């Protein structure tokens, strides 16, 4: 490990949705929040030297948290909305089934918010016209399926590119594009509401989904 990597503290994941990992008696739960500051959040198996622009992260004193879910590093900022769902089910299906169902909740949310034609692409992204709007990840154990999504409301790809390198694993539809060329935002895709509006709608759509038959 080089000195630059060694100088980077990796903190445990402690953002508001971490509460969903605790046992609950409800069939499911939803947490939405706007990050209080800029964070870099790495996946359970992320290699920071491959995924982060470490000198920029250190220079800007950006906290780095390691989440329990998989996937590559992401940037969270106050210009984004974090949405997390949990289902407390003892009989579970494949992760792909949960990605499809939870992304459908988010796509309905976007449609109600004026962002049409968003679609589930790759393994778990939501994109519009080939540009990424929402990134997601899943953690699961025998008691909970924990789904995390980051919706880019107004953030620019330039800030993301300051802290993240090109990820070592990319979906085919990305076509090796840089963050600034690959990522878009809701305001660039016809969203004219507020983040509070978006939170309200996503909670309503998740509540509707909970009333439907369990996935398992």
N, C-alpha and C. Protein backbone atom coordinates (compact mmCIF):
# COMPACT_ATOMS: atom_id res chain seq x y z
N UNK A 1 0.85 -1.20 0.00
CA UNK A 1 0.00 0.00 0.00
C UNK A 1 0.88 1.24 0.00
N UNK A 2 0.64 2.18 -0.94
CA UNK A 2 1.47 3.37 -0.97
C UNK A 2 1.05 4.36 0.11
N UNK A 3 1.88 5.38 0.33
CA UNK A 3 1.65 6.32 1.42
C UNK A 3 0.36 7.11 1.23
N UNK A 4 0.02 7.43 -0.02
CA UNK A 4 -1.20 8.20 -0.26
C UNK A 4 -2.43 7.40 0.15
N UNK A 5 -2.46 6.14 -0.23
CA UNK A 5 -3.58 5.28 0.16
C UNK A 5 -3.62 5.12 1.67
N UNK A 6 -2.48 4.92 2.29
CA UNK A 6 -2.42 4.72 3.74
C UNK A 6 -2.91 5.94 4.50
N UNK A 7 -2.79 7.14 3.89
CA UNK A 7 -3.20 8.37 4.55
C UNK A 7 -4.71 8.59 4.49
N UNK A 8 -5.42 7.76 3.75
CA UNK A 8 -6.85 7.95 3.55
C UNK A 8 -7.63 7.14 4.58
N UNK A 9 -8.28 7.80 5.53
CA UNK A 9 -9.07 7.03 6.50
C UNK A 9 -10.37 6.54 5.86
N UNK A 10 -10.73 5.30 6.13
CA UNK A 10 -11.99 4.72 5.67
C UNK A 10 -12.89 4.56 6.89
N UNK A 11 -14.01 5.25 6.87
CA UNK A 11 -14.91 5.29 8.02
C UNK A 11 -16.05 4.29 7.84
N UNK A 12 -16.60 3.80 8.94
CA UNK A 12 -17.76 2.92 8.83
C UNK A 12 -18.97 3.68 8.32
N UNK A 13 -19.86 2.99 7.65
CA UNK A 13 -21.05 3.62 7.07
C UNK A 13 -22.03 4.00 8.18
N UNK A 14 -22.34 5.30 8.29
CA UNK A 14 -23.20 5.76 9.38
C UNK A 14 -24.22 6.81 8.92
N UNK A 15 -24.59 6.78 7.63
CA UNK A 15 -25.57 7.74 7.12
C UNK A 15 -26.97 7.32 7.55
N UNK A 16 -27.97 8.20 7.40
CA UNK A 16 -29.29 7.94 8.00
C UNK A 16 -29.94 6.62 7.62
N UNK A 17 -29.67 6.09 6.43
CA UNK A 17 -30.32 4.85 6.03
C UNK A 17 -29.72 3.61 6.70
N UNK A 18 -28.63 3.78 7.42
CA UNK A 18 -28.02 2.63 8.11
C UNK A 18 -29.00 2.01 9.11
N UNK A 19 -29.97 2.78 9.56
CA UNK A 19 -30.96 2.25 10.52
C UNK A 19 -31.79 1.11 9.91
N UNK A 20 -31.88 1.08 8.58
CA UNK A 20 -32.67 0.03 7.94
C UNK A 20 -32.05 -1.35 8.09
N UNK A 21 -30.78 -1.41 8.45
CA UNK A 21 -30.10 -2.69 8.63
C UNK A 21 -30.46 -3.36 9.95
N UNK A 22 -31.10 -2.61 10.86
CA UNK A 22 -31.49 -3.18 12.14
C UNK A 22 -32.77 -4.00 11.97
N UNK A 23 -32.92 -5.07 12.72
CA UNK A 23 -34.14 -5.89 12.62
C UNK A 23 -35.39 -5.07 12.89
N UNK A 24 -36.41 -5.32 12.10
CA UNK A 24 -37.69 -4.64 12.26
C UNK A 24 -38.82 -5.65 12.09
N UNK A 25 -39.96 -5.31 12.65
CA UNK A 25 -41.12 -6.19 12.52
C UNK A 25 -41.96 -5.84 11.30
N UNK A 26 -41.79 -4.65 10.74
CA UNK A 26 -42.54 -4.25 9.55
C UNK A 26 -42.05 -5.05 8.34
N UNK A 27 -42.91 -5.21 7.31
CA UNK A 27 -42.45 -5.93 6.12
C UNK A 27 -41.42 -5.16 5.31
N UNK A 28 -41.40 -3.84 5.46
CA UNK A 28 -40.44 -3.04 4.72
C UNK A 28 -40.39 -1.63 5.25
N UNK A 29 -39.37 -0.90 4.83
CA UNK A 29 -39.22 0.48 5.28
C UNK A 29 -38.45 1.27 4.24
N UNK A 30 -38.62 2.59 4.28
CA UNK A 30 -37.99 3.50 3.32
C UNK A 30 -37.37 4.68 4.07
N UNK A 31 -36.18 5.06 3.68
CA UNK A 31 -35.52 6.26 4.20
C UNK A 31 -35.07 7.10 3.02
N UNK A 32 -35.37 8.39 3.07
CA UNK A 32 -34.88 9.34 2.07
C UNK A 32 -34.15 10.46 2.79
N UNK A 33 -33.04 10.92 2.22
CA UNK A 33 -32.33 12.04 2.84
C UNK A 33 -31.45 12.73 1.82
N UNK A 34 -31.19 14.00 2.08
CA UNK A 34 -30.24 14.78 1.30
C UNK A 34 -28.92 14.79 2.07
N UNK A 35 -27.83 14.34 1.48
CA UNK A 35 -26.55 14.34 2.19
C UNK A 35 -26.20 15.73 2.72
N UNK A 36 -25.69 15.78 3.93
CA UNK A 36 -25.39 17.05 4.57
C UNK A 36 -24.15 17.72 3.99
N UNK A 37 -23.30 16.95 3.33
CA UNK A 37 -22.07 17.46 2.76
C UNK A 37 -21.64 16.49 1.66
N UNK A 38 -20.49 16.74 1.08
CA UNK A 38 -19.95 15.81 0.08
C UNK A 38 -19.31 14.62 0.81
N UNK A 39 -19.67 13.43 0.36
CA UNK A 39 -19.06 12.19 0.83
C UNK A 39 -18.63 11.37 -0.39
N UNK A 40 -17.63 10.54 -0.18
CA UNK A 40 -17.36 9.44 -1.10
C UNK A 40 -17.74 8.17 -0.36
N UNK A 41 -18.55 7.34 -1.01
CA UNK A 41 -18.98 6.08 -0.39
C UNK A 41 -18.50 4.94 -1.28
N UNK A 42 -17.69 4.08 -0.71
CA UNK A 42 -17.14 2.97 -1.47
C UNK A 42 -17.92 1.69 -1.17
N UNK A 43 -17.92 0.76 -2.12
CA UNK A 43 -18.61 -0.50 -1.94
C UNK A 43 -17.86 -1.43 -1.02
N UNK A 44 -18.53 -2.49 -0.62
CA UNK A 44 -17.95 -3.46 0.31
C UNK A 44 -16.62 -3.99 -0.18
N UNK A 45 -16.51 -4.21 -1.50
CA UNK A 45 -15.28 -4.77 -2.05
C UNK A 45 -14.44 -3.78 -2.83
N UNK A 46 -14.72 -2.49 -2.71
CA UNK A 46 -14.00 -1.48 -3.49
C UNK A 46 -12.51 -1.44 -3.16
N UNK A 47 -11.71 -1.18 -4.18
CA UNK A 47 -10.27 -0.94 -4.02
C UNK A 47 -10.04 0.55 -4.23
N UNK A 48 -9.74 1.27 -3.16
CA UNK A 48 -9.72 2.72 -3.24
C UNK A 48 -8.67 3.22 -4.23
N UNK A 49 -7.55 2.53 -4.33
CA UNK A 49 -6.50 3.00 -5.24
C UNK A 49 -6.92 2.89 -6.69
N UNK A 50 -7.90 2.06 -6.99
CA UNK A 50 -8.40 1.92 -8.35
C UNK A 50 -9.58 2.84 -8.64
N UNK A 51 -10.34 3.20 -7.62
CA UNK A 51 -11.62 3.87 -7.85
C UNK A 51 -11.64 5.34 -7.47
N UNK A 52 -10.69 5.80 -6.66
CA UNK A 52 -10.73 7.17 -6.18
C UNK A 52 -9.56 8.00 -6.69
N UNK A 53 -9.82 9.28 -6.92
CA UNK A 53 -8.74 10.26 -7.11
C UNK A 53 -8.31 10.70 -5.71
N UNK A 54 -7.44 9.90 -5.11
CA UNK A 54 -7.14 10.07 -3.69
C UNK A 54 -6.54 11.44 -3.36
N UNK A 55 -5.63 12.00 -4.17
CA UNK A 55 -5.11 13.33 -3.82
C UNK A 55 -6.21 14.39 -3.71
N UNK A 56 -7.21 14.34 -4.58
CA UNK A 56 -8.31 15.31 -4.51
C UNK A 56 -9.18 15.06 -3.29
N UNK A 57 -9.43 13.80 -2.98
CA UNK A 57 -10.24 13.47 -1.80
C UNK A 57 -9.55 13.98 -0.54
N UNK A 58 -8.24 13.77 -0.45
CA UNK A 58 -7.49 14.23 0.72
C UNK A 58 -7.41 15.76 0.76
N UNK A 59 -7.15 16.38 -0.38
CA UNK A 59 -7.01 17.84 -0.41
C UNK A 59 -8.28 18.54 0.02
N UNK A 60 -9.44 17.96 -0.35
CA UNK A 60 -10.72 18.58 -0.03
C UNK A 60 -11.33 18.06 1.26
N UNK A 61 -10.61 17.19 1.95
CA UNK A 61 -11.05 16.65 3.24
C UNK A 61 -12.44 16.01 3.12
N UNK A 62 -12.62 15.20 2.08
CA UNK A 62 -13.90 14.53 1.85
C UNK A 62 -13.92 13.21 2.63
N UNK A 63 -14.90 13.00 3.50
CA UNK A 63 -14.98 11.72 4.22
C UNK A 63 -15.24 10.56 3.26
N UNK A 64 -14.60 9.44 3.53
CA UNK A 64 -14.81 8.23 2.75
C UNK A 64 -15.43 7.18 3.66
N UNK A 65 -16.60 6.69 3.28
CA UNK A 65 -17.32 5.70 4.05
C UNK A 65 -17.40 4.40 3.26
N UNK A 66 -17.34 3.27 3.95
CA UNK A 66 -17.49 1.98 3.27
C UNK A 66 -18.87 1.42 3.61
N UNK A 67 -19.72 1.30 2.59
CA UNK A 67 -21.07 0.78 2.79
C UNK A 67 -21.07 -0.74 2.77
N UNK A 68 -22.12 -1.37 3.28
CA UNK A 68 -22.16 -2.83 3.27
C UNK A 68 -22.51 -3.42 1.91
N UNK A 69 -23.13 -2.62 1.04
CA UNK A 69 -23.56 -3.13 -0.26
C UNK A 69 -22.40 -3.16 -1.24
N UNK A 70 -22.60 -3.87 -2.35
CA UNK A 70 -21.56 -4.01 -3.35
C UNK A 70 -21.49 -2.83 -4.30
N UNK A 71 -20.78 -3.03 -5.41
CA UNK A 71 -20.65 -1.97 -6.40
C UNK A 71 -19.42 -1.11 -6.17
N UNK A 72 -19.22 -0.18 -7.09
CA UNK A 72 -18.05 0.70 -7.04
C UNK A 72 -18.35 1.98 -6.27
N UNK A 73 -17.34 2.81 -6.13
CA UNK A 73 -17.45 4.05 -5.36
C UNK A 73 -18.42 5.02 -6.00
N UNK A 74 -19.10 5.80 -5.15
CA UNK A 74 -20.00 6.86 -5.60
C UNK A 74 -19.71 8.12 -4.81
N UNK A 75 -20.14 9.24 -5.36
CA UNK A 75 -20.07 10.52 -4.67
C UNK A 75 -21.48 10.91 -4.25
N UNK A 76 -21.63 11.34 -3.01
CA UNK A 76 -22.88 11.90 -2.52
C UNK A 76 -22.67 13.37 -2.24
N UNK A 77 -23.64 14.21 -2.62
CA UNK A 77 -23.54 15.64 -2.37
C UNK A 77 -24.91 16.17 -1.97
N UNK A 78 -24.96 17.40 -1.45
CA UNK A 78 -26.27 18.01 -1.13
C UNK A 78 -27.13 18.28 -2.35
N UNK A 79 -26.60 18.06 -3.53
CA UNK A 79 -27.38 18.21 -4.76
C UNK A 79 -27.95 16.88 -5.26
N UNK A 80 -27.94 15.89 -4.38
CA UNK A 80 -28.47 14.57 -4.71
C UNK A 80 -29.49 14.16 -3.66
N UNK A 81 -30.27 13.15 -4.00
CA UNK A 81 -31.22 12.56 -3.05
C UNK A 81 -30.86 11.09 -2.87
N UNK A 82 -30.65 10.71 -1.63
CA UNK A 82 -30.41 9.30 -1.30
C UNK A 82 -31.74 8.64 -0.93
N UNK A 83 -32.00 7.51 -1.53
CA UNK A 83 -33.23 6.75 -1.27
C UNK A 83 -32.83 5.31 -0.96
N UNK A 84 -33.33 4.80 0.15
CA UNK A 84 -33.04 3.42 0.51
C UNK A 84 -34.32 2.70 0.91
N UNK A 85 -34.43 1.47 0.44
CA UNK A 85 -35.56 0.60 0.76
C UNK A 85 -35.04 -0.64 1.47
N UNK A 86 -35.85 -1.17 2.37
CA UNK A 86 -35.54 -2.45 2.99
C UNK A 86 -36.78 -3.32 2.96
N UNK A 87 -36.57 -4.59 2.65
CA UNK A 87 -37.62 -5.59 2.77
C UNK A 87 -37.13 -6.64 3.76
N UNK A 88 -37.98 -6.95 4.75
CA UNK A 88 -37.62 -7.91 5.78
C UNK A 88 -38.35 -9.21 5.47
N UNK A 89 -37.71 -10.04 4.65
CA UNK A 89 -38.32 -11.26 4.14
C UNK A 89 -37.38 -12.44 4.38
N UNK A 90 -37.91 -13.49 4.94
CA UNK A 90 -37.08 -14.67 5.20
C UNK A 90 -36.91 -15.52 3.95
N UNK A 91 -37.87 -15.47 3.03
CA UNK A 91 -37.77 -16.19 1.76
C UNK A 91 -37.48 -15.16 0.67
N UNK A 92 -36.31 -15.27 0.08
CA UNK A 92 -35.86 -14.22 -0.83
C UNK A 92 -35.61 -14.76 -2.23
N UNK A 93 -35.70 -13.84 -3.19
CA UNK A 93 -35.41 -14.14 -4.58
C UNK A 93 -34.01 -13.64 -4.94
N UNK A 94 -33.67 -13.73 -6.22
CA UNK A 94 -32.39 -13.24 -6.68
C UNK A 94 -32.31 -11.72 -6.55
N UNK A 95 -31.09 -11.21 -6.43
CA UNK A 95 -30.92 -9.76 -6.35
C UNK A 95 -31.49 -9.06 -7.58
N UNK A 96 -31.39 -9.70 -8.75
CA UNK A 96 -31.92 -9.08 -9.96
C UNK A 96 -33.41 -8.81 -9.86
N UNK A 97 -34.14 -9.66 -9.13
CA UNK A 97 -35.58 -9.45 -8.95
C UNK A 97 -35.84 -8.21 -8.10
N UNK A 98 -35.01 -8.03 -7.08
CA UNK A 98 -35.16 -6.85 -6.23
C UNK A 98 -34.75 -5.58 -6.97
N UNK A 99 -33.66 -5.64 -7.72
CA UNK A 99 -33.29 -4.47 -8.52
C UNK A 99 -34.43 -4.07 -9.45
N UNK A 100 -35.04 -5.04 -10.11
CA UNK A 100 -36.12 -4.73 -11.04
C UNK A 100 -37.30 -4.11 -10.32
N UNK A 101 -37.66 -4.66 -9.18
CA UNK A 101 -38.84 -4.15 -8.47
C UNK A 101 -38.58 -2.77 -7.88
N UNK A 102 -37.46 -2.60 -7.22
CA UNK A 102 -37.18 -1.31 -6.59
C UNK A 102 -36.92 -0.22 -7.63
N UNK A 103 -36.24 -0.57 -8.72
CA UNK A 103 -36.05 0.41 -9.78
C UNK A 103 -37.38 0.81 -10.41
N UNK A 104 -38.33 -0.12 -10.48
CA UNK A 104 -39.65 0.22 -10.99
C UNK A 104 -40.33 1.28 -10.10
N UNK A 105 -40.13 1.16 -8.79
CA UNK A 105 -40.65 2.18 -7.87
C UNK A 105 -40.07 3.55 -8.20
N UNK A 106 -38.75 3.58 -8.43
CA UNK A 106 -38.09 4.85 -8.73
C UNK A 106 -38.48 5.39 -10.10
N UNK A 107 -38.64 4.52 -11.07
CA UNK A 107 -39.04 4.97 -12.41
C UNK A 107 -40.45 5.56 -12.38
N UNK A 108 -41.36 4.95 -11.61
CA UNK A 108 -42.70 5.54 -11.45
C UNK A 108 -42.61 6.90 -10.76
N UNK A 109 -41.71 7.00 -9.79
CA UNK A 109 -41.50 8.28 -9.12
C UNK A 109 -41.04 9.35 -10.10
N UNK A 110 -40.07 9.00 -10.93
CA UNK A 110 -39.55 9.97 -11.90
C UNK A 110 -40.63 10.36 -12.90
N UNK A 111 -41.42 9.40 -13.34
CA UNK A 111 -42.49 9.70 -14.30
C UNK A 111 -43.49 10.67 -13.70
N UNK A 112 -43.90 10.43 -12.46
CA UNK A 112 -44.83 11.35 -11.79
C UNK A 112 -44.22 12.73 -11.58
N UNK A 113 -42.90 12.79 -11.59
CA UNK A 113 -42.19 14.05 -11.36
C UNK A 113 -41.81 14.76 -12.67
N UNK A 114 -42.27 14.22 -13.79
CA UNK A 114 -42.05 14.87 -15.08
C UNK A 114 -40.88 14.38 -15.87
N UNK A 115 -40.14 13.38 -15.34
CA UNK A 115 -39.00 12.83 -16.06
C UNK A 115 -39.46 11.55 -16.75
N UNK A 116 -39.79 11.67 -18.02
CA UNK A 116 -40.33 10.55 -18.77
C UNK A 116 -39.21 9.74 -19.42
N UNK A 117 -39.52 8.52 -19.80
CA UNK A 117 -38.63 7.66 -20.57
C UNK A 117 -37.41 7.19 -19.80
N UNK A 118 -37.39 7.34 -18.48
CA UNK A 118 -36.31 6.73 -17.70
C UNK A 118 -36.48 5.23 -17.74
N UNK A 119 -35.36 4.50 -17.77
CA UNK A 119 -35.45 3.05 -17.88
C UNK A 119 -34.34 2.36 -17.10
N UNK A 120 -34.62 1.13 -16.72
CA UNK A 120 -33.64 0.27 -16.05
C UNK A 120 -32.68 -0.24 -17.12
N UNK A 121 -31.39 0.06 -16.94
CA UNK A 121 -30.39 -0.37 -17.91
C UNK A 121 -29.21 -1.00 -17.18
N UNK A 122 -28.45 -1.81 -17.92
CA UNK A 122 -27.34 -2.50 -17.28
C UNK A 122 -27.85 -3.42 -16.18
N UNK A 123 -27.03 -3.65 -15.19
CA UNK A 123 -27.44 -4.51 -14.08
C UNK A 123 -28.46 -3.84 -13.19
N UNK A 124 -28.26 -2.53 -12.92
CA UNK A 124 -29.11 -1.91 -11.90
C UNK A 124 -29.24 -0.39 -12.03
N UNK A 125 -28.73 0.21 -13.09
CA UNK A 125 -28.83 1.66 -13.24
C UNK A 125 -30.21 2.08 -13.73
N UNK A 126 -30.52 3.35 -13.55
CA UNK A 126 -31.65 3.98 -14.21
C UNK A 126 -31.09 5.12 -15.06
N UNK A 127 -31.42 5.12 -16.33
CA UNK A 127 -30.87 6.11 -17.26
C UNK A 127 -31.97 6.68 -18.14
N UNK A 128 -31.67 7.79 -18.75
CA UNK A 128 -32.55 8.37 -19.76
C UNK A 128 -31.71 8.70 -20.99
N UNK A 129 -32.12 8.16 -22.11
CA UNK A 129 -31.41 8.37 -23.37
C UNK A 129 -29.92 8.07 -23.22
N UNK A 130 -29.63 6.98 -22.52
CA UNK A 130 -28.26 6.50 -22.41
C UNK A 130 -27.39 7.18 -21.39
N UNK A 131 -27.96 8.11 -20.61
CA UNK A 131 -27.16 8.79 -19.58
C UNK A 131 -27.73 8.47 -18.20
N UNK A 132 -26.83 8.21 -17.28
CA UNK A 132 -27.21 7.70 -15.97
C UNK A 132 -27.82 8.79 -15.08
N UNK A 133 -28.99 8.46 -14.51
CA UNK A 133 -29.67 9.34 -13.56
C UNK A 133 -29.57 8.82 -12.12
N UNK A 134 -29.61 7.50 -12.00
CA UNK A 134 -29.69 6.87 -10.68
C UNK A 134 -28.75 5.66 -10.64
N UNK A 135 -27.94 5.61 -9.60
CA UNK A 135 -27.12 4.43 -9.35
C UNK A 135 -27.65 3.70 -8.13
N UNK A 136 -27.55 2.37 -8.13
CA UNK A 136 -28.12 1.59 -7.03
C UNK A 136 -27.17 0.48 -6.60
N UNK A 137 -27.43 -0.04 -5.42
CA UNK A 137 -26.65 -1.16 -4.89
C UNK A 137 -27.53 -1.93 -3.91
N UNK A 138 -27.19 -3.17 -3.67
CA UNK A 138 -27.94 -4.02 -2.74
C UNK A 138 -27.00 -4.72 -1.77
N UNK A 139 -27.43 -4.77 -0.51
CA UNK A 139 -26.83 -5.64 0.49
C UNK A 139 -27.95 -6.55 1.01
N UNK A 140 -27.62 -7.81 1.27
CA UNK A 140 -28.64 -8.71 1.79
C UNK A 140 -28.03 -9.71 2.74
N UNK A 141 -28.82 -10.08 3.74
CA UNK A 141 -28.50 -11.22 4.58
C UNK A 141 -29.79 -12.02 4.74
N UNK A 142 -29.84 -12.95 5.66
CA UNK A 142 -31.01 -13.82 5.73
C UNK A 142 -32.25 -13.10 6.27
N UNK A 143 -32.06 -11.89 6.82
CA UNK A 143 -33.18 -11.16 7.42
C UNK A 143 -33.64 -9.95 6.62
N UNK A 144 -32.77 -9.37 5.82
CA UNK A 144 -33.11 -8.10 5.17
C UNK A 144 -32.51 -8.03 3.77
N UNK A 145 -33.25 -7.37 2.89
CA UNK A 145 -32.73 -6.94 1.60
C UNK A 145 -32.69 -5.42 1.65
N UNK A 146 -31.49 -4.87 1.54
CA UNK A 146 -31.25 -3.43 1.73
C UNK A 146 -30.80 -2.84 0.41
N UNK A 147 -31.63 -1.98 -0.15
CA UNK A 147 -31.41 -1.39 -1.47
C UNK A 147 -31.10 0.09 -1.31
N UNK A 148 -30.04 0.55 -1.95
CA UNK A 148 -29.64 1.95 -1.88
C UNK A 148 -29.63 2.55 -3.29
N UNK A 149 -30.15 3.77 -3.40
CA UNK A 149 -30.16 4.49 -4.68
C UNK A 149 -29.72 5.92 -4.45
N UNK A 150 -28.95 6.44 -5.40
CA UNK A 150 -28.56 7.84 -5.39
C UNK A 150 -29.15 8.49 -6.64
N UNK A 151 -30.04 9.44 -6.43
CA UNK A 151 -30.67 10.17 -7.54
C UNK A 151 -29.95 11.51 -7.69
N UNK A 152 -29.40 11.75 -8.86
CA UNK A 152 -28.70 13.00 -9.10
C UNK A 152 -29.71 14.08 -9.48
N UNK A 153 -29.93 15.02 -8.59
CA UNK A 153 -30.92 16.06 -8.83
C UNK A 153 -30.33 17.22 -9.64
N UNK A 154 -29.23 17.78 -9.15
CA UNK A 154 -28.65 18.94 -9.86
C UNK A 154 -27.13 18.89 -9.97
N UNK A 155 -26.48 17.84 -9.49
CA UNK A 155 -25.01 17.84 -9.44
C UNK A 155 -24.40 17.67 -10.84
N UNK A 156 -23.23 18.29 -11.03
CA UNK A 156 -22.53 18.18 -12.30
C UNK A 156 -21.61 16.97 -12.31
N UNK A 157 -21.38 16.44 -13.48
CA UNK A 157 -20.43 15.34 -13.62
C UNK A 157 -19.01 15.74 -13.31
N UNK A 158 -18.70 17.03 -13.39
CA UNK A 158 -17.34 17.50 -13.11
C UNK A 158 -16.94 17.21 -11.67
N UNK A 159 -17.86 17.43 -10.73
CA UNK A 159 -17.52 17.19 -9.32
C UNK A 159 -17.31 15.70 -9.09
N UNK A 160 -18.15 14.87 -9.69
CA UNK A 160 -17.98 13.43 -9.55
C UNK A 160 -16.63 13.01 -10.09
N UNK A 161 -16.26 13.57 -11.21
CA UNK A 161 -14.99 13.22 -11.84
C UNK A 161 -13.79 13.69 -11.02
N UNK A 162 -13.98 14.71 -10.21
CA UNK A 162 -12.87 15.19 -9.37
C UNK A 162 -12.45 14.11 -8.37
N UNK A 163 -13.41 13.34 -7.89
CA UNK A 163 -13.12 12.39 -6.81
C UNK A 163 -13.06 10.93 -7.26
N UNK A 164 -13.63 10.62 -8.41
CA UNK A 164 -13.66 9.23 -8.84
C UNK A 164 -12.91 9.04 -10.15
N UNK A 165 -12.19 7.96 -10.25
CA UNK A 165 -11.59 7.56 -11.52
C UNK A 165 -12.66 6.82 -12.34
N UNK A 166 -12.31 6.44 -13.54
CA UNK A 166 -13.19 5.53 -14.27
C UNK A 166 -13.28 4.22 -13.49
N UNK A 167 -14.48 3.71 -13.25
CA UNK A 167 -14.59 2.48 -12.44
C UNK A 167 -13.98 1.29 -13.16
N UNK A 168 -13.45 0.35 -12.39
CA UNK A 168 -12.85 -0.84 -13.00
C UNK A 168 -13.87 -1.75 -13.68
N UNK A 169 -15.14 -1.63 -13.27
CA UNK A 169 -16.22 -2.40 -13.89
C UNK A 169 -17.28 -1.44 -14.40
N UNK A 170 -17.62 -1.56 -15.68
CA UNK A 170 -18.59 -0.65 -16.28
C UNK A 170 -19.61 -1.43 -17.10
N UNK A 171 -20.88 -1.00 -17.08
CA UNK A 171 -21.86 -1.66 -17.96
C UNK A 171 -21.57 -1.32 -19.42
N UNK A 172 -21.99 -2.18 -20.29
CA UNK A 172 -21.72 -1.99 -21.72
C UNK A 172 -22.26 -0.66 -22.23
N UNK A 173 -23.44 -0.26 -21.74
CA UNK A 173 -24.05 0.96 -22.28
C UNK A 173 -23.27 2.22 -21.95
N UNK A 174 -22.38 2.12 -20.97
CA UNK A 174 -21.56 3.29 -20.64
C UNK A 174 -20.58 3.62 -21.76
N UNK A 175 -20.11 2.59 -22.46
CA UNK A 175 -19.21 2.77 -23.60
C UNK A 175 -17.96 3.56 -23.24
N UNK A 176 -17.41 3.29 -22.04
CA UNK A 176 -16.16 3.89 -21.59
C UNK A 176 -16.22 5.41 -21.42
N UNK A 177 -17.41 5.97 -21.32
CA UNK A 177 -17.53 7.43 -21.19
C UNK A 177 -17.06 7.92 -19.82
N UNK A 178 -16.52 9.13 -19.78
CA UNK A 178 -16.13 9.76 -18.53
C UNK A 178 -17.38 10.06 -17.71
N UNK A 179 -17.18 10.38 -16.43
CA UNK A 179 -18.32 10.71 -15.58
C UNK A 179 -19.11 11.90 -16.14
N UNK A 180 -18.40 12.92 -16.61
CA UNK A 180 -19.12 14.12 -17.09
C UNK A 180 -19.92 13.83 -18.35
N UNK A 181 -19.48 12.86 -19.14
CA UNK A 181 -20.22 12.51 -20.35
C UNK A 181 -21.30 11.46 -20.12
N UNK A 182 -21.15 10.71 -19.04
CA UNK A 182 -22.05 9.59 -18.78
C UNK A 182 -23.21 9.96 -17.85
N UNK A 183 -22.96 10.83 -16.89
CA UNK A 183 -23.95 11.14 -15.86
C UNK A 183 -24.77 12.35 -16.27
N UNK A 184 -26.07 12.30 -16.01
CA UNK A 184 -26.93 13.46 -16.19
C UNK A 184 -27.65 13.72 -14.87
N UNK A 185 -28.47 14.77 -14.84
CA UNK A 185 -29.19 15.13 -13.62
C UNK A 185 -30.67 15.31 -13.93
N UNK A 186 -31.49 15.30 -12.90
CA UNK A 186 -32.93 15.47 -13.11
C UNK A 186 -33.25 16.83 -13.73
N UNK A 187 -32.55 17.87 -13.29
CA UNK A 187 -32.87 19.20 -13.83
C UNK A 187 -32.50 19.31 -15.30
N UNK A 188 -31.55 18.49 -15.73
CA UNK A 188 -31.21 18.46 -17.16
C UNK A 188 -32.18 17.60 -17.95
N UNK A 189 -33.05 16.89 -17.23
CA UNK A 189 -33.97 15.94 -17.87
C UNK A 189 -35.43 16.29 -17.56
N UNK A 190 -35.75 17.59 -17.49
CA UNK A 190 -37.13 18.10 -17.43
C UNK A 190 -37.77 18.07 -16.04
N UNK A 191 -37.01 17.84 -14.99
CA UNK A 191 -37.57 17.89 -13.64
C UNK A 191 -37.66 19.34 -13.19
N UNK A 192 -38.87 19.76 -12.81
CA UNK A 192 -39.08 21.15 -12.41
C UNK A 192 -39.57 21.27 -10.96
N UNK A 193 -39.56 20.14 -10.22
CA UNK A 193 -40.04 20.15 -8.85
C UNK A 193 -38.93 20.44 -7.86
N UNK A 194 -39.17 20.07 -6.62
CA UNK A 194 -38.19 20.23 -5.55
C UNK A 194 -37.80 18.84 -5.02
N UNK A 195 -36.72 18.82 -4.26
CA UNK A 195 -36.31 17.56 -3.66
C UNK A 195 -37.35 17.06 -2.67
N UNK A 196 -38.01 17.99 -1.97
CA UNK A 196 -39.09 17.60 -1.05
C UNK A 196 -40.23 16.93 -1.82
N UNK A 197 -40.56 17.45 -2.99
CA UNK A 197 -41.59 16.81 -3.83
C UNK A 197 -41.18 15.38 -4.16
N UNK A 198 -39.93 15.23 -4.54
CA UNK A 198 -39.43 13.91 -4.95
C UNK A 198 -39.49 12.93 -3.78
N UNK A 199 -39.11 13.39 -2.58
CA UNK A 199 -39.17 12.53 -1.40
C UNK A 199 -40.60 12.05 -1.15
N UNK A 200 -41.54 12.96 -1.26
CA UNK A 200 -42.94 12.62 -1.00
C UNK A 200 -43.43 11.55 -1.98
N UNK A 201 -43.12 11.72 -3.25
CA UNK A 201 -43.60 10.79 -4.26
C UNK A 201 -42.94 9.42 -4.09
N UNK A 202 -41.65 9.39 -3.82
CA UNK A 202 -40.97 8.10 -3.70
C UNK A 202 -41.50 7.32 -2.50
N UNK A 203 -41.83 8.01 -1.43
CA UNK A 203 -42.41 7.33 -0.26
C UNK A 203 -43.78 6.76 -0.59
N UNK A 204 -44.57 7.54 -1.34
CA UNK A 204 -45.89 7.06 -1.75
C UNK A 204 -45.78 5.82 -2.63
N UNK A 205 -44.85 5.86 -3.57
CA UNK A 205 -44.70 4.72 -4.48
C UNK A 205 -44.17 3.48 -3.75
N UNK A 206 -43.29 3.68 -2.78
CA UNK A 206 -42.80 2.53 -2.01
C UNK A 206 -43.92 1.95 -1.16
N UNK A 207 -44.75 2.81 -0.56
CA UNK A 207 -45.88 2.33 0.23
C UNK A 207 -46.85 1.53 -0.63
N UNK A 208 -47.07 1.98 -1.87
CA UNK A 208 -47.92 1.24 -2.79
C UNK A 208 -47.32 -0.13 -3.10
N UNK A 209 -46.02 -0.16 -3.32
CA UNK A 209 -45.34 -1.43 -3.62
C UNK A 209 -45.45 -2.40 -2.45
N UNK A 210 -45.36 -1.89 -1.22
CA UNK A 210 -45.44 -2.76 -0.05
C UNK A 210 -46.78 -3.48 0.05
N UNK A 211 -47.83 -2.85 -0.48
CA UNK A 211 -49.17 -3.44 -0.41
C UNK A 211 -49.34 -4.59 -1.39
N UNK A 212 -48.44 -4.67 -2.36
CA UNK A 212 -48.53 -5.72 -3.34
C UNK A 212 -47.98 -7.03 -2.78
N UNK A 213 -48.15 -8.09 -3.53
CA UNK A 213 -47.67 -9.39 -3.06
C UNK A 213 -46.16 -9.35 -2.83
N UNK A 214 -45.66 -10.04 -1.81
CA UNK A 214 -44.21 -10.12 -1.60
C UNK A 214 -43.49 -10.66 -2.82
N UNK A 215 -42.24 -10.31 -2.95
CA UNK A 215 -41.44 -10.83 -4.05
C UNK A 215 -41.25 -12.33 -3.87
N UNK A 216 -40.99 -12.74 -2.64
CA UNK A 216 -40.74 -14.17 -2.37
C UNK A 216 -42.03 -14.97 -2.37
